[in-house]
Protein backbone atom coordinates (compact mmCIF):
# COMPACT_ATOMS: atom_id res chain seq x y z
CA UNK A 1 36.56 -0.54 258.21
CA UNK A 2 32.86 -0.71 258.42
CA UNK A 3 32.66 1.18 261.52
CA UNK A 4 34.48 4.03 260.07
CA UNK A 5 32.52 3.82 256.92
CA UNK A 6 29.26 3.86 258.80
CA UNK A 7 29.90 6.59 261.19
CA UNK A 8 31.04 8.85 258.17
CA UNK A 9 27.96 7.98 256.45
CA UNK A 10 25.91 8.62 259.39
CA UNK A 11 27.41 11.61 260.66
CA UNK A 12 27.13 13.43 257.19
CA UNK A 13 23.57 12.78 256.88
CA UNK A 14 22.80 14.32 260.30
CA UNK A 15 25.14 17.34 259.59
CA UNK A 16 23.77 18.56 255.92
CA UNK A 17 20.12 18.57 255.67
CA UNK A 18 19.25 18.69 251.64
CA UNK A 19 15.96 20.35 252.46
CA UNK A 20 17.21 23.24 254.33
CA UNK A 21 19.96 23.47 251.79
CA UNK A 22 17.36 23.43 249.15
CA UNK A 23 15.02 26.37 250.69
CA UNK A 24 18.72 28.28 251.31
CA UNK A 25 19.16 28.24 247.32
CA UNK A 26 15.66 29.28 246.66
CA UNK A 27 15.97 32.08 248.91
CA UNK A 28 18.96 33.14 247.23
CA UNK A 29 17.39 32.99 244.15
CA UNK A 30 20.29 30.58 243.12
CA UNK A 31 19.28 27.39 240.92
CA UNK A 32 21.21 24.19 239.96
CA UNK A 33 21.33 24.47 236.09
CA UNK A 34 19.05 21.61 234.55
CA UNK A 35 17.35 21.23 238.21
CA UNK A 36 14.02 22.79 238.80
CA UNK A 37 13.66 24.78 242.43
CA UNK A 38 11.99 23.32 245.41
CA UNK A 39 11.33 19.47 245.54
CA UNK A 40 13.19 18.69 242.46
CA UNK A 41 16.49 20.36 244.18
CA UNK A 42 16.08 18.48 247.36
CA UNK A 43 15.91 15.12 245.67
CA UNK A 44 19.11 15.97 243.20
CA UNK A 45 20.87 17.44 246.60
CA UNK A 46 20.08 14.22 248.14
CA UNK A 47 21.31 11.95 245.43
CA UNK A 48 24.46 13.92 244.88
CA UNK A 49 25.03 14.07 248.86
CA UNK A 50 24.58 10.00 248.76
CA UNK A 51 26.96 9.62 246.15
CA UNK A 52 29.58 12.21 247.74
CA UNK A 53 29.57 10.81 250.99
CA UNK A 54 29.71 7.23 250.10
CA UNK A 55 32.82 8.14 247.92
CA UNK A 56 34.42 10.10 250.76
CA UNK A 57 33.38 7.48 253.56
CA UNK A 58 35.15 4.55 251.43
CA UNK A 59 38.30 6.62 250.86
CA UNK A 60 38.39 7.56 254.61
CA UNK A 61 37.98 3.94 255.57
CA UNK A 62 40.72 2.98 253.51
CA UNK A 63 42.98 5.76 254.68
CA UNK A 64 42.02 4.64 258.32
CA UNK A 65 43.18 1.07 257.66
CA UNK A 66 45.99 1.58 255.41
CA UNK A 67 48.72 1.72 258.10
CA UNK A 68 47.45 -1.81 259.77
CA UNK A 69 46.91 -3.62 256.37
CA UNK A 70 51.01 -2.56 255.34
CA UNK A 71 51.94 -3.57 258.74
CA UNK A 72 50.22 -6.93 258.04
CA UNK A 73 51.52 -7.67 254.55
CA UNK A 74 54.99 -6.53 255.02
CA UNK A 75 54.93 -7.40 259.05
CA UNK A 76 56.83 -4.00 259.53
CA UNK A 77 56.60 -2.60 262.63
CA UNK A 78 57.51 1.00 262.20
CA UNK A 79 54.50 1.53 259.88
CA UNK A 80 52.55 1.55 263.18
CA UNK A 81 53.80 4.97 263.86
CA UNK A 82 52.42 6.60 260.71
CA UNK A 83 49.00 6.59 261.84
CA UNK A 84 46.05 7.72 260.02
CA UNK A 85 45.88 11.26 261.60
CA UNK A 86 49.50 11.63 260.07
CA UNK A 87 48.37 10.55 256.65
CA UNK A 88 45.29 12.73 256.98
CA UNK A 89 47.68 15.62 257.65
CA UNK A 90 50.21 14.78 254.73
CA UNK A 91 47.10 14.78 252.26
CA UNK A 92 45.91 18.02 253.42
CA UNK A 93 49.34 19.69 253.14
CA UNK A 94 50.16 18.09 249.48
CA UNK A 95 46.36 19.33 248.23
CA UNK A 96 47.09 22.46 249.75
CA UNK A 97 50.56 23.13 248.08
CA UNK A 98 49.11 21.59 244.73
CA UNK A 99 46.38 24.22 244.80
CA UNK A 100 48.82 27.29 245.74
CA UNK A 101 51.31 26.01 242.94
CA UNK A 102 48.28 26.47 240.61
CA UNK A 103 47.38 29.61 241.70
CA UNK A 104 51.07 30.90 241.40
CA UNK A 105 51.08 29.33 237.93
CA UNK A 106 47.67 30.90 236.92
CA UNK A 107 48.76 34.29 238.33
CA UNK A 108 52.16 34.25 236.05
CA UNK A 109 49.91 33.49 233.13
CA UNK A 110 47.67 36.35 233.72
CA UNK A 111 50.57 38.80 234.41
CA UNK A 112 52.12 38.18 231.24
């Protein structure tokens, strides 16, 4: 759990650079409402990134350890076949399906 949490946070801090993102937003003449361009935007993006990264890392860590915890508590051996990758794929498919259903419902509302 701790390793997944640590590596998730570490990887996201390496990949996403709030300073570069702030500069790109400034070049495109885009601003975040209520936040001044420049250093304030960089600080705001760092704060938001910390919150989102921590929440995502906790969820990923829970998802990674969930099959092992269920197997240990319920003493089931069949749960080990339901791996983390399967759960991630299942969650992705469910999110995609709900997004498609919403778009179909909205298109039907606008067509009427």
